[in-house]
Amino acid sequence: MTESRRLTVESAEAFTEQALLEIRTLRMSGVERAEDLATALNRSGFTTFGGQQWDAGQVLDFLASPDTRRIEHNLD
């Protein structure tokens, strides 16, 4: 694996871990619906990996991603 590819993978994994922690915190405070999670993430300034605002579809896609599920399992 090239150095730049390794850094990209590590950055994506670090982002995923942080996003999962943000979403867990929101869920613990009672925020459950994807639309509400997206709104809360946007209000807090936590953008997508690409630096965009969240929408409900992105939240659902993120949570359903095999990589997200793998990392979430490792956090438990």
C-alpha atoms as a PDB file:
ATOM      1  CA  MET A   1       0.000   0.000   0.000  1.00  0.00           C
ATOM      2  CA  THR A   2       1.382   3.386  -0.904  1.00  0.00           C
ATOM      3  CA  GLU A   3       1.938   6.004   1.780  1.00  0.00           C
ATOM      4  CA  SER A   4      -0.820   8.287   0.484  1.00  0.00           C
ATOM      5  CA  ARG A   5      -3.282   5.386   0.286  1.00  0.00           C
ATOM      6  CA  ARG A   6      -2.415   4.328   3.840  1.00  0.00           C
ATOM      7  CA  LEU A   7      -2.988   7.876   5.113  1.00  0.00           C
ATOM      8  CA  THR A   8      -6.333   8.071   3.323  1.00  0.00           C
ATOM      9  CA  VAL A   9      -7.483   4.777   4.848  1.00  0.00           C
ATOM     10  CA  GLU A  10      -6.314   5.861   8.309  1.00  0.00           C
ATOM     11  CA  SER A  11      -8.050   9.231   7.917  1.00  0.00           C
ATOM     12  CA  ALA A  12     -11.293   7.555   6.826  1.00  0.00           C
ATOM     13  CA  GLU A  13     -11.163   5.180   9.780  1.00  0.00           C
ATOM     14  CA  ALA A  14     -10.474   8.033  12.214  1.00  0.00           C
ATOM     15  CA  PHE A  15     -13.379   9.996  10.716  1.00  0.00           C
ATOM     16  CA  THR A  16     -15.681   6.984  11.026  1.00  0.00           C
ATOM     17  CA  GLU A  17     -14.747   6.458  14.673  1.00  0.00           C
ATOM     18  CA  GLN A  18     -15.383  10.129  15.474  1.00  0.00           C
ATOM     19  CA  ALA A  19     -18.682  10.189  13.566  1.00  0.00           C
ATOM     20  CA  LEU A  20     -19.854   7.070  15.396  1.00  0.00           C
ATOM     21  CA  LEU A  21     -19.003   8.650  18.739  1.00  0.00           C
ATOM     22  CA  GLU A  22     -20.901  11.815  17.758  1.00  0.00           C
ATOM     23  CA  ILE A  23     -23.942   9.789  16.690  1.00  0.00           C
ATOM     24  CA  ARG A  24     -23.832   7.646  19.839  1.00  0.00           C
ATOM     25  CA  THR A  25     -23.793  10.808  21.965  1.00  0.00           C
ATOM     26  CA  LEU A  26     -26.756  12.208  20.063  1.00  0.00           C
ATOM     27  CA  ARG A  27     -28.665   8.958  20.412  1.00  0.00           C
ATOM     28  CA  MET A  28     -27.996   8.893  24.145  1.00  0.00           C
ATOM     29  CA  SER A  29     -29.596  12.344  24.329  1.00  0.00           C
ATOM     30  CA  GLY A  30     -32.698  11.040  22.543  1.00  0.00           C
ATOM     31  CA  VAL A  31     -31.970  11.927  18.924  1.00  0.00           C
ATOM     32  CA  GLU A  32     -32.865   8.886  16.815  1.00  0.00           C
ATOM     33  CA  ARG A  33     -34.353   9.800  13.421  1.00  0.00           C
ATOM     34  CA  ALA A  34     -31.872  10.176  10.566  1.00  0.00           C
ATOM     35  CA  GLU A  35     -33.229  13.648   9.762  1.00  0.00           C
ATOM     36  CA  ASP A  36     -32.701  14.761  13.342  1.00  0.00           C
ATOM     37  CA  LEU A  37     -29.220  13.223  13.493  1.00  0.00           C
ATOM     38  CA  ALA A  38     -28.262  15.077  10.308  1.00  0.00           C
ATOM     39  CA  THR A  39     -29.580  18.353  11.686  1.00  0.00           C
ATOM     40  CA  ALA A  40     -27.723  17.897  14.967  1.00  0.00           C
ATOM     41  CA  LEU A  41     -24.459  16.964  13.249  1.00  0.00           C
ATOM     42  CA  ASN A  42     -24.745  20.018  10.992  1.00  0.00           C
ATOM     43  CA  ARG A  43     -25.532  22.337  13.906  1.00  0.00           C
ATOM     44  CA  SER A  44     -22.474  21.083  15.762  1.00  0.00           C
ATOM     45  CA  GLY A  45     -20.267  21.721  12.725  1.00  0.00           C
ATOM     46  CA  PHE A  46     -19.439  18.041  12.230  1.00  0.00           C
ATOM     47  CA  THR A  47     -19.350  17.618   8.454  1.00  0.00           C
ATOM     48  CA  THR A  48     -19.198  14.522   6.284  1.00  0.00           C
ATOM     49  CA  PHE A  49     -15.799  13.078   5.373  1.00  0.00           C
ATOM     50  CA  GLY A  50     -15.957  15.185   2.209  1.00  0.00           C
ATOM     51  CA  GLY A  51     -16.665  18.356   4.192  1.00  0.00           C
ATOM     52  CA  GLN A  52     -20.343  18.598   3.234  1.00  0.00           C
ATOM     53  CA  GLN A  53     -23.456  19.079   5.318  1.00  0.00           C
ATOM     54  CA  TRP A  54     -25.257  15.890   6.355  1.00  0.00           C
ATOM     55  CA  ASP A  55     -28.694  14.871   5.130  1.00  0.00           C
ATOM     56  CA  ALA A  56     -30.831  11.944   6.262  1.00  0.00           C
ATOM     57  CA  GLY A  57     -29.740   9.752   3.355  1.00  0.00           C
ATOM     58  CA  GLN A  58     -26.066  10.287   4.146  1.00  0.00           C
ATOM     59  CA  VAL A  59     -26.644   9.376   7.783  1.00  0.00           C
ATOM     60  CA  LEU A  60     -28.445   6.173   6.794  1.00  0.00           C
ATOM     61  CA  ASP A  61     -25.799   5.279   4.200  1.00  0.00           C
ATOM     62  CA  PHE A  62     -23.016   5.946   6.709  1.00  0.00           C
ATOM     63  CA  LEU A  63     -24.627   3.772   9.382  1.00  0.00           C
ATOM     64  CA  ALA A  64     -25.305   0.947   6.907  1.00  0.00           C
ATOM     65  CA  SER A  65     -21.789   0.927   5.476  1.00  0.00           C
ATOM     66  CA  PRO A  66     -19.854  -2.312   6.045  1.00  0.00           C
ATOM     67  CA  ASP A  67     -16.797  -0.278   7.050  1.00  0.00           C
ATOM     68  CA  THR A  68     -18.846   1.652   9.609  1.00  0.00           C
ATOM     69  CA  ARG A  69     -20.289  -1.559  11.009  1.00  0.00           C
ATOM     70  CA  ARG A  70     -16.821  -3.108  11.271  1.00  0.00           C
ATOM     71  CA  ILE A  71     -15.407  -0.091  13.083  1.00  0.00           C
ATOM     72  CA  GLU A  72     -18.495   0.168  15.308  1.00  0.00           C
ATOM     73  CA  HIS A  73     -18.045  -3.474  16.298  1.00  0.00           C
ATOM     74  CA  ASN A  74     -14.425  -2.775  17.196  1.00  0.00           C
ATOM     75  CA  LEU A  75     -15.465   0.178  19.394  1.00  0.00           C
ATOM     76  CA  ASP A  76     -17.804  -1.976  21.478  1.00  0.00           C
END
